[in-house]
Every structure is written in structure tokens, then in C-alpha cells.
C-alpha atoms as a PDB file:
ATOM      1  CA  MET A   1      47.200 -22.105 -57.684  1.00  0.00           C
ATOM      2  CA  TYR A   2      47.889 -18.507 -57.617  1.00  0.00           C
ATOM      3  CA  CYS A   3      49.514 -16.111 -55.075  1.00  0.00           C
ATOM      4  CA  ILE A   4      51.522 -12.977 -54.780  1.00  0.00           C
ATOM      5  CA  ASP A   5      55.043 -13.922 -55.755  1.00  0.00           C
ATOM      6  CA  SER A   6      57.653 -13.266 -53.022  1.00  0.00           C
ATOM      7  CA  ASP A   7      60.250 -11.992 -55.463  1.00  0.00           C
ATOM      8  CA  ASP A   8      58.309  -9.353 -57.620  1.00  0.00           C
ATOM      9  CA  LYS A   9      55.321  -8.861 -55.080  1.00  0.00           C
ATOM     10  CA  GLU A  10      52.807  -9.394 -58.113  1.00  0.00           C
ATOM     11  CA  TYR A  11      50.146 -11.972 -58.649  1.00  0.00           C
ATOM     12  CA  TRP A  12      51.227 -15.076 -60.577  1.00  0.00           C
ATOM     13  CA  ILE A  13      48.849 -17.736 -61.694  1.00  0.00           C
ATOM     14  CA  TYR A  14      50.954 -20.951 -61.341  1.00  0.00           C
ATOM     15  CA  ARG A  15      48.567 -23.650 -62.424  1.00  0.00           C
ATOM     16  CA  LEU A  16      45.028 -24.146 -63.595  1.00  0.00           C
ATOM     17  CA  MET A  17      44.170 -27.803 -64.168  1.00  0.00           C
ATOM     18  CA  ILE A  18      41.207 -29.119 -65.875  1.00  0.00           C
ATOM     19  CA  ASP A  19      40.801 -32.976 -65.932  1.00  0.00           C
ATOM     20  CA  ALA A  20      41.465 -34.363 -69.391  1.00  0.00           C
ATOM     21  CA  LYS A  21      37.925 -35.745 -69.788  1.00  0.00           C
ATOM     22  CA  HIS A  22      36.509 -32.231 -69.192  1.00  0.00           C
ATOM     23  CA  GLN A  23      38.844 -30.149 -71.432  1.00  0.00           C
ATOM     24  CA  SER A  24      37.646 -28.396 -74.564  1.00  0.00           C
ATOM     25  CA  LYS A  25      34.360 -27.618 -72.916  1.00  0.00           C
ATOM     26  CA  GLY A  26      35.158 -23.943 -71.999  1.00  0.00           C
ATOM     27  CA  TYR A  27      35.845 -24.719 -68.349  1.00  0.00           C
ATOM     28  CA  GLY A  28      39.368 -23.532 -68.362  1.00  0.00           C
ATOM     29  CA  LYS A  29      38.284 -20.147 -69.924  1.00  0.00           C
ATOM     30  CA  GLU A  30      35.508 -19.723 -67.437  1.00  0.00           C
ATOM     31  CA  ALA A  31      37.730 -20.547 -64.455  1.00  0.00           C
ATOM     32  CA  MET A  32      40.404 -18.048 -65.772  1.00  0.00           C
ATOM     33  CA  GLU A  33      37.835 -15.329 -66.137  1.00  0.00           C
ATOM     34  CA  LYS A  34      36.573 -15.879 -62.552  1.00  0.00           C
ATOM     35  CA  LEU A  35      40.130 -16.001 -61.162  1.00  0.00           C
ATOM     36  CA  ILE A  36      41.099 -12.832 -62.990  1.00  0.00           C
ATOM     37  CA  GLU A  37      37.982 -11.072 -61.474  1.00  0.00           C
ATOM     38  CA  ARG A  38      38.864 -12.250 -58.078  1.00  0.00           C
ATOM     39  CA  ILE A  39      42.419 -11.075 -58.348  1.00  0.00           C
ATOM     40  CA  LYS A  40      41.254  -7.618 -59.477  1.00  0.00           C
ATOM     41  CA  GLN A  41      39.480  -7.084 -56.268  1.00  0.00           C
ATOM     42  CA  ASP A  42      42.872  -6.482 -54.750  1.00  0.00           C
ATOM     43  CA  GLN A  43      43.208  -2.812 -55.477  1.00  0.00           C
ATOM     44  CA  GLU A  44      46.865  -2.703 -54.634  1.00  0.00           C
ATOM     45  CA  HIS A  45      47.971  -4.656 -57.672  1.00  0.00           C
ATOM     46  CA  LYS A  46      47.416  -4.005 -61.375  1.00  0.00           C
ATOM     47  CA  VAL A  47      49.196  -6.878 -63.157  1.00  0.00           C
ATOM     48  CA  ILE A  48      48.876 -10.640 -63.238  1.00  0.00           C
ATOM     49  CA  TYR A  49      51.692 -12.917 -64.642  1.00  0.00           C
ATOM     50  CA  LEU A  50      51.530 -16.581 -65.782  1.00  0.00           C
ATOM     51  CA  SER A  51      53.900 -18.710 -67.832  1.00  0.00           C
ATOM     52  CA  PHE A  52      53.534 -21.759 -70.078  1.00  0.00           C
ATOM     53  CA  GLU A  53      55.538 -24.066 -72.134  1.00  0.00           C
ATOM     54  CA  PRO A  54      56.262 -22.675 -75.757  1.00  0.00           C
ATOM     55  CA  GLU A  55      54.713 -25.690 -77.491  1.00  0.00           C
ATOM     56  CA  ASN A  56      51.416 -25.286 -75.666  1.00  0.00           C
ATOM     57  CA  ASN A  57      49.461 -23.392 -78.386  1.00  0.00           C
ATOM     58  CA  LEU A  58      46.124 -24.065 -76.832  1.00  0.00           C
ATOM     59  CA  ALA A  59      47.215 -22.344 -73.528  1.00  0.00           C
ATOM     60  CA  LYS A  60      48.742 -19.425 -75.566  1.00  0.00           C
ATOM     61  CA  GLY A  61      45.449 -18.956 -77.535  1.00  0.00           C
ATOM     62  CA  LEU A  62      43.394 -18.951 -74.415  1.00  0.00           C
ATOM     63  CA  TYR A  63      45.596 -16.471 -72.564  1.00  0.00           C
ATOM     64  CA  GLU A  64      45.719 -14.190 -75.615  1.00  0.00           C
ATOM     65  CA  LYS A  65      41.895 -14.230 -75.864  1.00  0.00           C
ATOM     66  CA  LEU A  66      41.698 -13.296 -72.139  1.00  0.00           C
ATOM     67  CA  GLY A  67      44.003 -10.179 -72.840  1.00  0.00           C
ATOM     68  CA  PHE A  68      47.420 -11.579 -71.730  1.00  0.00           C
ATOM     69  CA  GLU A  69      50.450 -10.593 -73.705  1.00  0.00           C
ATOM     70  CA  ALA A  70      54.047 -11.719 -73.791  1.00  0.00           C
ATOM     71  CA  ASP A  71      56.245  -9.695 -71.587  1.00  0.00           C
ATOM     72  CA  GLY A  72      59.448 -10.642 -73.205  1.00  0.00           C
ATOM     73  CA  ARG A  73      60.783 -13.017 -70.536  1.00  0.00           C
ATOM     74  CA  ILE A  74      61.352 -16.796 -70.556  1.00  0.00           C
ATOM     75  CA  ILE A  75      61.825 -18.325 -67.143  1.00  0.00           C
ATOM     76  CA  ASP A  76      62.792 -21.954 -66.646  1.00  0.00           C
ATOM     77  CA  GLY A  77      61.898 -22.515 -70.397  1.00  0.00           C
ATOM     78  CA  GLU A  78      58.333 -21.120 -70.116  1.00  0.00           C
ATOM     79  CA  ILE A  79      57.095 -17.983 -71.918  1.00  0.00           C
ATOM     80  CA  VAL A  80      55.909 -15.257 -69.462  1.00  0.00           C
ATOM     81  CA  TYR A  81      52.707 -13.445 -70.194  1.00  0.00           C
ATOM     82  CA  LYS A  82      50.998 -10.713 -68.312  1.00  0.00           C
ATOM     83  CA  ILE A  83      47.776  -8.811 -68.202  1.00  0.00           C
ATOM     84  CA  THR A  84      47.491  -5.317 -66.755  1.00  0.00           C
ATOM     85  CA  TYR A  85      44.185  -3.923 -65.534  1.00  0.00           C
END
């Protein structure tokens, strides 16, 4: 689930779900790479945001490998990361 957020008018990736029996096989990383490439086709936007729960170290590691960085915000208890391209 992703879209342009109505508040800040930037892309947000809200959810990417991989069934538990298919996790740790690289599908999440591949799906995120494809989604990022899809979003990059929109030349009007140059940033993608997402957020995750602070204790989700697997998500944090994946997002950092993909180039996301903390933007300093916490929204509804979740850490906000962004990637600029």
C-alpha cells in the first residue's frame, strides 16, 4: 500500500506484507526495490517516506540497505524514514 499523502503531498509506503511462510527469502527486499523504481517514474516527486515500529530491527535493516534514513520524526509511535532520489 502506497500513495501520495494528502497532508505533505509526498509518497508514503504504508504497508508491504509478505506471508510469514515466505519471509526471509528476499521477497520483501525485491518487492521494495520494484516499488521504489515504480515511484521514481513520477518525476514530480523526489522523496519517499515510510515508518515502522522501533523494535522492528529487521525492517530497519532492510530499509537502511535500500538507502532509507531516519528523518528525525516519530509519528504515532513509529520511526519515520525517507529516501531522496
